[in-house]
N, C-alpha and C. Protein backbone atom coordinates (compact mmCIF):
# COMPACT_ATOMS: atom_id res chain seq x y z
N MET A 1 7.13 59.75 23.64
CA MET A 1 6.71 58.46 23.67
C MET A 1 5.94 58.11 22.39
N GLU A 2 6.31 57.09 21.67
CA GLU A 2 5.75 56.74 20.43
C GLU A 2 4.70 55.63 20.58
N VAL A 3 4.81 54.79 21.58
CA VAL A 3 3.98 53.66 21.73
C VAL A 3 3.58 53.62 23.27
N ALA A 4 2.34 53.32 23.53
CA ALA A 4 1.87 53.19 24.86
C ALA A 4 0.85 51.95 24.85
N ILE A 5 1.00 51.20 25.97
CA ILE A 5 0.14 49.95 26.09
C ILE A 5 -0.51 50.14 27.41
N GLY A 6 -1.85 50.01 27.40
CA GLY A 6 -2.63 50.03 28.64
C GLY A 6 -3.44 48.74 28.72
N CYS A 7 -3.65 48.30 29.97
CA CYS A 7 -4.54 47.19 30.15
C CYS A 7 -5.13 47.23 31.48
N GLY A 8 -6.20 46.43 31.66
CA GLY A 8 -6.88 46.43 32.99
C GLY A 8 -7.79 45.13 33.02
N VAL A 9 -8.26 44.93 34.12
CA VAL A 9 -9.15 43.70 34.34
C VAL A 9 -10.31 44.22 35.16
N GLU A 10 -11.57 43.84 34.75
CA GLU A 10 -12.73 44.07 35.56
C GLU A 10 -13.39 42.63 35.85
N ALA A 11 -13.68 42.41 37.02
CA ALA A 11 -14.25 41.11 37.50
C ALA A 11 -15.73 41.38 37.77
N MET A 12 -16.53 41.71 36.80
CA MET A 12 -18.00 41.89 37.02
C MET A 12 -18.81 40.61 36.72
N SER A 13 -18.18 39.64 36.20
CA SER A 13 -18.93 38.41 35.86
C SER A 13 -19.16 37.51 37.06
N ARG A 14 -18.55 37.86 38.17
CA ARG A 14 -18.74 36.85 39.42
C ARG A 14 -20.09 37.01 39.99
N VAL A 15 -20.73 38.08 39.87
CA VAL A 15 -22.07 38.34 40.41
C VAL A 15 -22.99 38.81 39.22
N GLY A 16 -24.04 38.05 39.01
CA GLY A 16 -24.89 38.35 37.91
C GLY A 16 -25.73 39.70 38.19
N LEU A 17 -26.05 40.32 37.08
CA LEU A 17 -26.82 41.54 37.21
C LEU A 17 -28.20 41.22 37.96
N GLY A 18 -28.62 41.95 38.95
CA GLY A 18 -29.89 41.76 39.59
C GLY A 18 -29.80 40.70 40.69
N ASP A 19 -28.64 40.17 41.02
CA ASP A 19 -28.60 39.17 42.05
C ASP A 19 -28.99 39.81 43.45
N ASN A 20 -28.83 41.09 43.68
CA ASN A 20 -29.13 41.67 44.90
C ASN A 20 -30.54 42.12 45.00
N ILE A 21 -31.33 41.85 44.03
CA ILE A 21 -32.74 42.33 43.96
C ILE A 21 -33.59 41.05 44.42
N LYS A 22 -34.44 41.28 45.44
CA LYS A 22 -35.21 40.17 45.77
C LYS A 22 -36.75 40.61 45.68
N GLY A 23 -37.26 40.50 44.42
CA GLY A 23 -38.61 40.77 44.21
C GLY A 23 -38.92 42.21 43.78
N ALA A 24 -38.14 43.13 44.08
CA ALA A 24 -38.28 44.58 43.84
C ALA A 24 -36.98 45.30 43.58
N PRO A 25 -37.00 46.39 42.83
CA PRO A 25 -35.75 47.18 42.68
C PRO A 25 -35.20 47.73 43.96
N GLY A 26 -36.04 48.11 44.91
CA GLY A 26 -35.52 48.67 46.18
C GLY A 26 -35.10 50.13 45.95
N ARG A 27 -34.49 50.68 46.96
CA ARG A 27 -34.04 52.05 46.94
C ARG A 27 -32.52 52.10 47.34
N PRO A 28 -31.65 52.63 46.59
CA PRO A 28 -30.27 52.65 46.91
C PRO A 28 -29.85 53.57 48.04
N PHE A 29 -30.75 54.54 48.24
CA PHE A 29 -30.51 55.47 49.35
C PHE A 29 -31.89 55.72 50.03
N PRO A 30 -31.93 56.04 51.34
CA PRO A 30 -33.08 56.29 52.05
C PRO A 30 -33.68 57.59 51.51
N PRO A 31 -34.96 57.78 51.77
CA PRO A 31 -35.65 59.04 51.30
C PRO A 31 -35.03 60.19 52.04
N GLY A 32 -34.83 61.33 51.35
CA GLY A 32 -34.23 62.50 51.94
C GLY A 32 -32.75 62.46 51.99
N PHE A 33 -32.07 61.47 51.34
CA PHE A 33 -30.66 61.42 51.36
C PHE A 33 -30.08 62.73 50.67
N PRO A 34 -29.22 63.41 51.34
CA PRO A 34 -28.82 64.73 50.86
C PRO A 34 -27.76 64.69 49.73
N VAL A 35 -27.81 63.82 48.78
CA VAL A 35 -26.94 63.79 47.70
C VAL A 35 -27.65 63.70 46.32
N GLU A 36 -27.24 64.57 45.39
CA GLU A 36 -27.90 64.49 44.08
C GLU A 36 -27.04 63.57 43.19
N ILE A 37 -27.73 62.55 42.66
CA ILE A 37 -27.04 61.61 41.82
C ILE A 37 -27.62 61.65 40.45
N PRO A 38 -26.92 62.48 39.54
CA PRO A 38 -27.48 62.62 38.16
C PRO A 38 -27.24 61.44 37.39
N ASP A 39 -27.97 61.34 36.08
CA ASP A 39 -27.66 60.24 35.26
C ASP A 39 -26.35 60.43 34.54
N GLN A 40 -25.93 59.33 33.81
CA GLN A 40 -24.59 59.35 33.28
C GLN A 40 -24.34 60.49 32.29
N PHE A 41 -25.37 60.77 31.48
CA PHE A 41 -25.19 61.83 30.50
C PHE A 41 -24.86 63.30 31.17
N THR A 42 -25.71 63.51 32.17
CA THR A 42 -25.59 64.78 32.96
C THR A 42 -24.20 64.92 33.66
N SER A 43 -23.80 63.75 34.14
CA SER A 43 -22.42 63.70 34.82
C SER A 43 -21.28 63.93 33.76
N ALA A 44 -21.44 63.30 32.62
CA ALA A 44 -20.45 63.53 31.54
C ALA A 44 -20.42 64.99 31.08
N GLU A 45 -21.59 65.63 31.02
CA GLU A 45 -21.65 67.01 30.55
C GLU A 45 -20.90 67.90 31.60
N ARG A 46 -21.12 67.56 32.88
CA ARG A 46 -20.49 68.41 33.98
C ARG A 46 -18.99 68.27 33.94
N ILE A 47 -18.52 67.10 33.71
CA ILE A 47 -17.05 66.86 33.66
C ILE A 47 -16.47 67.56 32.44
N ALA A 48 -17.17 67.53 31.26
CA ALA A 48 -16.71 68.07 30.14
C ALA A 48 -16.54 69.63 30.17
N HIS A 49 -17.44 70.19 31.07
CA HIS A 49 -17.35 71.68 31.13
C HIS A 49 -16.47 72.01 32.21
């Protein structure tokens, strides 16, 4: 294959950033939720290794 074309569409503009926040950032998960959610850099390092 000498040429490849890729495309995609993201529809993130329909809802503004922060529209779900009503006065405070809130918590995405309840306290004690049994899942570790690392930051983006840590996740990328784990995938790379």
